[in-house]
Amino acid sequence: MIVDARGHLCPVPSLRLRKAIEGLPPGTRVTLLATDPMARIDVPYLMAELGGRVVETTEADGVLTLVVETGDAPTG
């Protein structure tokens, strides 16, 4: 699954990613495309909060590509 948040500023990329991964089983990989450099900071925090992780971060032509893997979301 690809979440395209190019052209949007913080916090939109993280919010779109959160919505996309909600309810997905642990271990599911999702790719986020973002042009806001803050996504490089925000997404790892989001994934830690949700019990997941960032698998890979690359940047080309001003577009960040972050591959994340869902984990067991904390309850509460």
PDB file of N, CA and C in Angstrom:
ATOM      1  N   MET A   1       0.847  -1.167   0.000  1.00  0.00           N
ATOM      2  CA  MET A   1       0.000   0.000   0.000  1.00  0.00           C
ATOM      3  C   MET A   1       0.898   1.238   0.000  1.00  0.00           C
ATOM      4  N   ILE A   2       0.514   2.236  -0.766  1.00  0.00           N
ATOM      5  CA  ILE A   2       1.261   3.487  -0.829  1.00  0.00           C
ATOM      6  C   ILE A   2       0.359   4.619  -0.351  1.00  0.00           C
ATOM      7  N   VAL A   3       0.891   5.416   0.572  1.00  0.00           N
ATOM      8  CA  VAL A   3       0.202   6.611   1.051  1.00  0.00           C
ATOM      9  C   VAL A   3       0.936   7.799   0.450  1.00  0.00           C
ATOM     10  N   ASP A   4       0.256   8.536  -0.412  1.00  0.00           N
ATOM     11  CA  ASP A   4       0.881   9.658  -1.108  1.00  0.00           C
ATOM     12  C   ASP A   4       0.513  10.953  -0.394  1.00  0.00           C
ATOM     13  N   ALA A   5       1.476  11.526   0.330  1.00  0.00           N
ATOM     14  CA  ALA A   5       1.260  12.786   1.044  1.00  0.00           C
ATOM     15  C   ALA A   5       2.172  13.879   0.495  1.00  0.00           C
ATOM     16  N   ARG A   6       2.599  13.723  -0.752  1.00  0.00           N
ATOM     17  CA  ARG A   6       3.455  14.732  -1.364  1.00  0.00           C
ATOM     18  C   ARG A   6       2.700  16.052  -1.460  1.00  0.00           C
ATOM     19  N   GLY A   7       3.403  17.139  -1.161  1.00  0.00           N
ATOM     20  CA  GLY A   7       2.809  18.459  -1.246  1.00  0.00           C
ATOM     21  C   GLY A   7       2.101  18.911   0.024  1.00  0.00           C
ATOM     22  N   HIS A   8       2.036  18.048   1.024  1.00  0.00           N
ATOM     23  CA  HIS A   8       1.381  18.393   2.282  1.00  0.00           C
ATOM     24  C   HIS A   8       2.416  18.612   3.376  1.00  0.00           C
ATOM     25  N   LEU A   9       2.126  19.546   4.264  1.00  0.00           N
ATOM     26  CA  LEU A   9       3.020  19.850   5.369  1.00  0.00           C
ATOM     27  C   LEU A   9       2.578  19.129   6.637  1.00  0.00           C
ATOM     28  N   CYS A  10       3.502  19.038   7.580  1.00  0.00           N
ATOM     29  CA  CYS A  10       3.258  18.450   8.883  1.00  0.00           C
ATOM     30  C   CYS A  10       2.013  19.096   9.493  1.00  0.00           C
ATOM     31  N   PRO A  11       1.135  18.344  10.080  1.00  0.00           N
ATOM     32  CA  PRO A  11       1.193  16.926  10.403  1.00  0.00           C
ATOM     33  C   PRO A  11       0.474  16.024   9.407  1.00  0.00           C
ATOM     34  N   VAL A  12       0.079  16.539   8.243  1.00  0.00           N
ATOM     35  CA  VAL A  12      -0.738  15.765   7.313  1.00  0.00           C
ATOM     36  C   VAL A  12      -0.107  14.427   6.914  1.00  0.00           C
ATOM     37  N   PRO A  13       1.188  14.347   6.551  1.00  0.00           N
ATOM     38  CA  PRO A  13       1.733  13.040   6.185  1.00  0.00           C
ATOM     39  C   PRO A  13       1.574  11.987   7.296  1.00  0.00           C
ATOM     40  N   SER A  14       1.857  12.371   8.533  1.00  0.00           N
ATOM     41  CA  SER A  14       1.717  11.420   9.642  1.00  0.00           C
ATOM     42  C   SER A  14       0.257  11.044   9.876  1.00  0.00           C
ATOM     43  N   LEU A  15      -0.636  12.018   9.751  1.00  0.00           N
ATOM     44  CA  LEU A  15      -2.060  11.729   9.951  1.00  0.00           C
ATOM     45  C   LEU A  15      -2.580  10.785   8.880  1.00  0.00           C
ATOM     46  N   ARG A  16      -2.170  10.998   7.639  1.00  0.00           N
ATOM     47  CA  ARG A  16      -2.589  10.095   6.557  1.00  0.00           C
ATOM     48  C   ARG A  16      -2.034   8.691   6.762  1.00  0.00           C
ATOM     49  N   LEU A  17      -0.783   8.620   7.204  1.00  0.00           N
ATOM     50  CA  LEU A  17      -0.185   7.315   7.463  1.00  0.00           C
ATOM     51  C   LEU A  17      -0.917   6.611   8.596  1.00  0.00           C
ATOM     52  N   ARG A  18      -1.186   7.323   9.675  1.00  0.00           N
ATOM     53  CA  ARG A  18      -1.891   6.734  10.816  1.00  0.00           C
ATOM     54  C   ARG A  18      -3.235   6.154  10.374  1.00  0.00           C
ATOM     55  N   LYS A  19      -3.979   6.919   9.592  1.00  0.00           N
ATOM     56  CA  LYS A  19      -5.290   6.462   9.127  1.00  0.00           C
ATOM     57  C   LYS A  19      -5.162   5.226   8.241  1.00  0.00           C
ATOM     58  N   ALA A  20      -4.140   5.211   7.390  1.00  0.00           N
ATOM     59  CA  ALA A  20      -3.952   4.096   6.456  1.00  0.00           C
ATOM     60  C   ALA A  20      -3.592   2.796   7.168  1.00  0.00           C
ATOM     61  N   ILE A  21      -2.819   2.887   8.245  1.00  0.00           N
ATOM     62  CA  ILE A  21      -2.366   1.652   8.898  1.00  0.00           C
ATOM     63  C   ILE A  21      -3.300   1.191  10.012  1.00  0.00           C
ATOM     64  N   GLU A  22      -4.281   2.019  10.336  1.00  0.00           N
ATOM     65  CA  GLU A  22      -5.233   1.660  11.383  1.00  0.00           C
ATOM     66  C   GLU A  22      -5.923   0.345  11.036  1.00  0.00           C
ATOM     67  N   GLY A  23      -5.817  -0.617  11.952  1.00  0.00           N
ATOM     68  CA  GLY A  23      -6.492  -1.895  11.759  1.00  0.00           C
ATOM     69  C   GLY A  23      -5.740  -2.911  10.915  1.00  0.00           C
ATOM     70  N   LEU A  24      -4.584  -2.541  10.375  1.00  0.00           N
ATOM     71  CA  LEU A  24      -3.812  -3.510   9.589  1.00  0.00           C
ATOM     72  C   LEU A  24      -3.135  -4.503  10.529  1.00  0.00           C
ATOM     73  N   PRO A  25      -2.969  -5.737  10.091  1.00  0.00           N
ATOM     74  CA  PRO A  25      -2.309  -6.721  10.950  1.00  0.00           C
ATOM     75  C   PRO A  25      -0.830  -6.399  11.160  1.00  0.00           C
ATOM     76  N   PRO A  26      -0.271  -6.828  12.297  1.00  0.00           N
ATOM     77  CA  PRO A  26       1.156  -6.614  12.554  1.00  0.00           C
ATOM     78  C   PRO A  26       2.005  -7.194  11.425  1.00  0.00           C
ATOM     79  N   GLY A  27       3.060  -6.474  11.093  1.00  0.00           N
ATOM     80  CA  GLY A  27       3.976  -6.944  10.053  1.00  0.00           C
ATOM     81  C   GLY A  27       3.638  -6.440   8.666  1.00  0.00           C
ATOM     82  N   THR A  28       2.536  -5.702   8.527  1.00  0.00           N
ATOM     83  CA  THR A  28       2.162  -5.146   7.229  1.00  0.00           C
ATOM     84  C   THR A  28       3.079  -3.963   6.904  1.00  0.00           C
ATOM     85  N   ARG A  29       3.564  -3.944   5.678  1.00  0.00           N
ATOM     86  CA  ARG A  29       4.432  -2.836   5.248  1.00  0.00           C
ATOM     87  C   ARG A  29       3.642  -1.851   4.396  1.00  0.00           C
ATOM     88  N   VAL A  30       3.861  -0.580   4.688  1.00  0.00           N
ATOM     89  CA  VAL A  30       3.197   0.514   3.978  1.00  0.00           C
ATOM     90  C   VAL A  30       4.269   1.530   3.601  1.00  0.00           C
ATOM     91  N   THR A  31       4.149   2.101   2.416  1.00  0.00           N
ATOM     92  CA  THR A  31       5.098   3.103   1.938  1.00  0.00           C
ATOM     93  C   THR A  31       4.441   4.478   1.968  1.00  0.00           C
ATOM     94  N   LEU A  32       5.129   5.422   2.584  1.00  0.00           N
ATOM     95  CA  LEU A  32       4.672   6.808   2.626  1.00  0.00           C
ATOM     96  C   LEU A  32       5.557   7.645   1.712  1.00  0.00           C
ATOM     97  N   LEU A  33       4.935   8.425   0.837  1.00  0.00           N
ATOM     98  CA  LEU A  33       5.647   9.385  -0.001  1.00  0.00           C
ATOM     99  C   LEU A  33       5.359  10.770   0.555  1.00  0.00           C
ATOM    100  N   ALA A  34       6.398  11.533   0.857  1.00  0.00           N
ATOM    101  CA  ALA A  34       6.219  12.859   1.446  1.00  0.00           C
ATOM    102  C   ALA A  34       7.292  13.812   0.941  1.00  0.00           C
ATOM    103  N   THR A  35       6.907  15.077   0.821  1.00  0.00           N
ATOM    104  CA  THR A  35       7.876  16.097   0.435  1.00  0.00           C
ATOM    105  C   THR A  35       8.248  16.993   1.616  1.00  0.00           C
ATOM    106  N   ASP A  36       7.536  16.883   2.719  1.00  0.00           N
ATOM    107  CA  ASP A  36       7.854  17.669   3.915  1.00  0.00           C
ATOM    108  C   ASP A  36       9.005  16.991   4.656  1.00  0.00           C
ATOM    109  N   PRO A  37      10.148  17.674   4.816  1.00  0.00           N
ATOM    110  CA  PRO A  37      11.286  17.054   5.488  1.00  0.00           C
ATOM    111  C   PRO A  37      10.999  16.651   6.936  1.00  0.00           C
ATOM    112  N   MET A  38       9.982  17.250   7.558  1.00  0.00           N
ATOM    113  CA  MET A  38       9.632  16.876   8.937  1.00  0.00           C
ATOM    114  C   MET A  38       9.134  15.442   9.039  1.00  0.00           C
ATOM    115  N   ALA A  39       8.698  14.871   7.928  1.00  0.00           N
ATOM    116  CA  ALA A  39       8.237  13.475   7.951  1.00  0.00           C
ATOM    117  C   ALA A  39       9.369  12.550   8.397  1.00  0.00           C
ATOM    118  N   ARG A  40      10.607  12.933   8.093  1.00  0.00           N
ATOM    119  CA  ARG A  40      11.767  12.125   8.496  1.00  0.00           C
ATOM    120  C   ARG A  40      11.853  12.021  10.025  1.00  0.00           C
ATOM    121  N   ILE A  41      11.327  13.024  10.712  1.00  0.00           N
ATOM    122  CA  ILE A  41      11.335  13.045  12.181  1.00  0.00           C
ATOM    123  C   ILE A  41      10.015  12.528  12.744  1.00  0.00           C
ATOM    124  N   ASP A  42       8.911  12.984  12.154  1.00  0.00           N
ATOM    125  CA  ASP A  42       7.584  12.662  12.687  1.00  0.00           C
ATOM    126  C   ASP A  42       7.214  11.189  12.558  1.00  0.00           C
ATOM    127  N   VAL A  43       7.514  10.583  11.421  1.00  0.00           N
ATOM    128  CA  VAL A  43       7.075   9.211  11.173  1.00  0.00           C
ATOM    129  C   VAL A  43       7.714   8.213  12.140  1.00  0.00           C
ATOM    130  N   PRO A  44       9.020   8.286  12.434  1.00  0.00           N
ATOM    131  CA  PRO A  44       9.562   7.350  13.427  1.00  0.00           C
ATOM    132  C   PRO A  44       8.890   7.477  14.802  1.00  0.00           C
ATOM    133  N   TYR A  45       8.564   8.713  15.209  1.00  0.00           N
ATOM    134  CA  TYR A  45       7.854   8.902  16.480  1.00  0.00           C
ATOM    135  C   TYR A  45       6.472   8.269  16.426  1.00  0.00           C
ATOM    136  N   LEU A  46       5.772   8.487  15.322  1.00  0.00           N
ATOM    137  CA  LEU A  46       4.445   7.897  15.158  1.00  0.00           C
ATOM    138  C   LEU A  46       4.516   6.382  15.227  1.00  0.00           C
ATOM    139  N   MET A  47       5.460   5.812  14.509  1.00  0.00           N
ATOM    140  CA  MET A  47       5.547   4.351  14.474  1.00  0.00           C
ATOM    141  C   MET A  47       5.911   3.788  15.834  1.00  0.00           C
ATOM    142  N   ALA A  48       6.775   4.462  16.574  1.00  0.00           N
ATOM    143  CA  ALA A  48       7.115   4.013  17.930  1.00  0.00           C
ATOM    144  C   ALA A  48       5.873   4.061  18.819  1.00  0.00           C
ATOM    145  N   GLU A  49       5.087   5.115  18.665  1.00  0.00           N
ATOM    146  CA  GLU A  49       3.861   5.260  19.446  1.00  0.00           C
ATOM    147  C   GLU A  49       2.871   4.143  19.131  1.00  0.00           C
ATOM    148  N   LEU A  50       2.853   3.711  17.865  1.00  0.00           N
ATOM    149  CA  LEU A  50       1.910   2.682  17.433  1.00  0.00           C
ATOM    150  C   LEU A  50       2.470   1.269  17.537  1.00  0.00           C
ATOM    151  N   GLY A  51       3.695   1.149  18.021  1.00  0.00           N
ATOM    152  CA  GLY A  51       4.286  -0.180  18.182  1.00  0.00           C
ATOM    153  C   GLY A  51       4.903  -0.740  16.920  1.00  0.00           C
ATOM    154  N   GLY A  52       5.083   0.102  15.907  1.00  0.00           N
ATOM    155  CA  GLY A  52       5.678  -0.347  14.654  1.00  0.00           C
ATOM    156  C   GLY A  52       7.086   0.200  14.497  1.00  0.00           C
ATOM    157  N   ARG A  53       7.567   0.206  13.259  1.00  0.00           N
ATOM    158  CA  ARG A  53       8.921   0.693  13.024  1.00  0.00           C
ATOM    159  C   ARG A  53       9.061   1.190  11.591  1.00  0.00           C
ATOM    160  N   VAL A  54      10.074   2.022  11.399  1.00  0.00           N
ATOM    161  CA  VAL A  54      10.450   2.461  10.054  1.00  0.00           C
ATOM    162  C   VAL A  54      11.493   1.475   9.549  1.00  0.00           C
ATOM    163  N   VAL A  55      11.223   0.866   8.424  1.00  0.00           N
ATOM    164  CA  VAL A  55      12.116  -0.143   7.858  1.00  0.00           C
ATOM    165  C   VAL A  55      13.176   0.494   6.973  1.00  0.00           C
ATOM    166  N   GLU A  56      12.764   1.518   6.220  1.00  0.00           N
ATOM    167  CA  GLU A  56      13.693   2.124   5.267  1.00  0.00           C
ATOM    168  C   GLU A  56      13.272   3.568   5.001  1.00  0.00           C
ATOM    169  N   THR A  57      14.255   4.445   4.861  1.00  0.00           N
ATOM    170  CA  THR A  57      14.009   5.835   4.483  1.00  0.00           C
ATOM    171  C   THR A  57      14.966   6.199   3.358  1.00  0.00           C
ATOM    172  N   THR A  58      14.408   6.652   2.248  1.00  0.00           N
ATOM    173  CA  THR A  58      15.234   7.104   1.135  1.00  0.00           C
ATOM    174  C   THR A  58      14.693   8.453   0.655  1.00  0.00           C
ATOM    175  N   GLU A  59      15.552   9.187  -0.059  1.00  0.00           N
ATOM    176  CA  GLU A  59      15.126  10.464  -0.605  1.00  0.00           C
ATOM    177  C   GLU A  59      15.694  10.617  -2.005  1.00  0.00           C
ATOM    178  N   ALA A  60      14.825  11.005  -2.929  1.00  0.00           N
ATOM    179  CA  ALA A  60      15.248  11.249  -4.305  1.00  0.00           C
ATOM    180  C   ALA A  60      14.378  12.346  -4.891  1.00  0.00           C
ATOM    181  N   ASP A  61      15.002  13.310  -5.513  1.00  0.00           N
ATOM    182  CA  ASP A  61      14.292  14.413  -6.170  1.00  0.00           C
ATOM    183  C   ASP A  61      13.318  15.122  -5.225  1.00  0.00           C
ATOM    184  N   GLY A  62      13.717  15.275  -3.967  1.00  0.00           N
ATOM    185  CA  GLY A  62      12.895  15.994  -3.003  1.00  0.00           C
ATOM    186  C   GLY A  62      11.743  15.203  -2.412  1.00  0.00           C
ATOM    187  N   VAL A  63      11.658  13.923  -2.747  1.00  0.00           N
ATOM    188  CA  VAL A  63      10.577  13.083  -2.214  1.00  0.00           C
ATOM    189  C   VAL A  63      11.163  12.066  -1.242  1.00  0.00           C
ATOM    190  N   LEU A  64      10.645  12.096  -0.021  1.00  0.00           N
ATOM    191  CA  LEU A  64      11.011  11.091   0.970  1.00  0.00           C
ATOM    192  C   LEU A  64      10.137   9.873   0.761  1.00  0.00           C
ATOM    193  N   THR A  65      10.758   8.709   0.793  1.00  0.00           N
ATOM    194  CA  THR A  65      10.021   7.454   0.740  1.00  0.00           C
ATOM    195  C   THR A  65      10.331   6.718   2.024  1.00  0.00           C
ATOM    196  N   LEU A  66       9.306   6.545   2.851  1.00  0.00           N
ATOM    197  CA  LEU A  66       9.467   5.862   4.140  1.00  0.00           C
ATOM    198  C   LEU A  66       8.659   4.575   4.110  1.00  0.00           C
ATOM    199  N   VAL A  67       9.337   3.467   4.285  1.00  0.00           N
ATOM    200  CA  VAL A  67       8.665   2.184   4.376  1.00  0.00           C
ATOM    201  C   VAL A  67       8.526   1.860   5.854  1.00  0.00           C
ATOM    202  N   VAL A  68       7.292   1.646   6.290  1.00  0.00           N
ATOM    203  CA  VAL A  68       7.041   1.336   7.692  1.00  0.00           C
ATOM    204  C   VAL A  68       6.417  -0.049   7.813  1.00  0.00           C
ATOM    205  N   GLU A  69       6.576  -0.609   8.987  1.00  0.00           N
ATOM    206  CA  GLU A  69       5.993  -1.925   9.279  1.00  0.00           C
ATOM    207  C   GLU A  69       5.143  -1.797  10.531  1.00  0.00           C
ATOM    208  N   THR A  70       3.902  -2.229  10.432  1.00  0.00           N
ATOM    209  CA  THR A  70       3.005  -2.139  11.569  1.00  0.00           C
ATOM    210  C   THR A  70       3.421  -3.125  12.647  1.00  0.00           C
ATOM    211  N   GLY A  71       3.080  -2.775  13.875  1.00  0.00           N
ATOM    212  CA  GLY A  71       3.359  -3.647  15.000  1.00  0.00           C
ATOM    213  C   GLY A  71       2.095  -3.852  15.796  1.00  0.00           C
ATOM    214  N   ASP A  72       2.239  -4.346  16.992  1.00  0.00           N
ATOM    215  CA  ASP A  72       1.101  -4.495  17.886  1.00  0.00           C
ATOM    216  C   ASP A  72       0.823  -3.147  18.503  1.00  0.00           C
ATOM    217  N   ALA A  73      -0.279  -2.527  18.145  1.00  0.00           N
ATOM    218  CA  ALA A  73      -0.619  -1.209  18.670  1.00  0.00           C
ATOM    219  C   ALA A  73      -0.878  -1.294  20.163  1.00  0.00           C
ATOM    220  N   PRO A  74      -0.304  -0.364  20.929  1.00  0.00           N
ATOM    221  CA  PRO A  74      -0.569  -0.351  22.370  1.00  0.00           C
ATOM    222  C   PRO A  74      -2.051  -0.106  22.632  1.00  0.00           C
ATOM    223  N   THR A  75      -2.576  -0.725  23.637  1.00  0.00           N
ATOM    224  CA  THR A  75      -3.977  -0.523  23.987  1.00  0.00           C
ATOM    225  C   THR A  75      -4.109   0.677  24.888  1.00  0.00           C
ATOM    226  N   GLY A  76      -5.280   1.315  24.808  1.00  0.00           N
ATOM    227  CA  GLY A  76      -5.549   2.445  25.705  1.00  0.00           C
ATOM    228  C   GLY A  76      -5.490   3.662  24.999  1.00  0.00           C
TER     229      GLY A  76
END
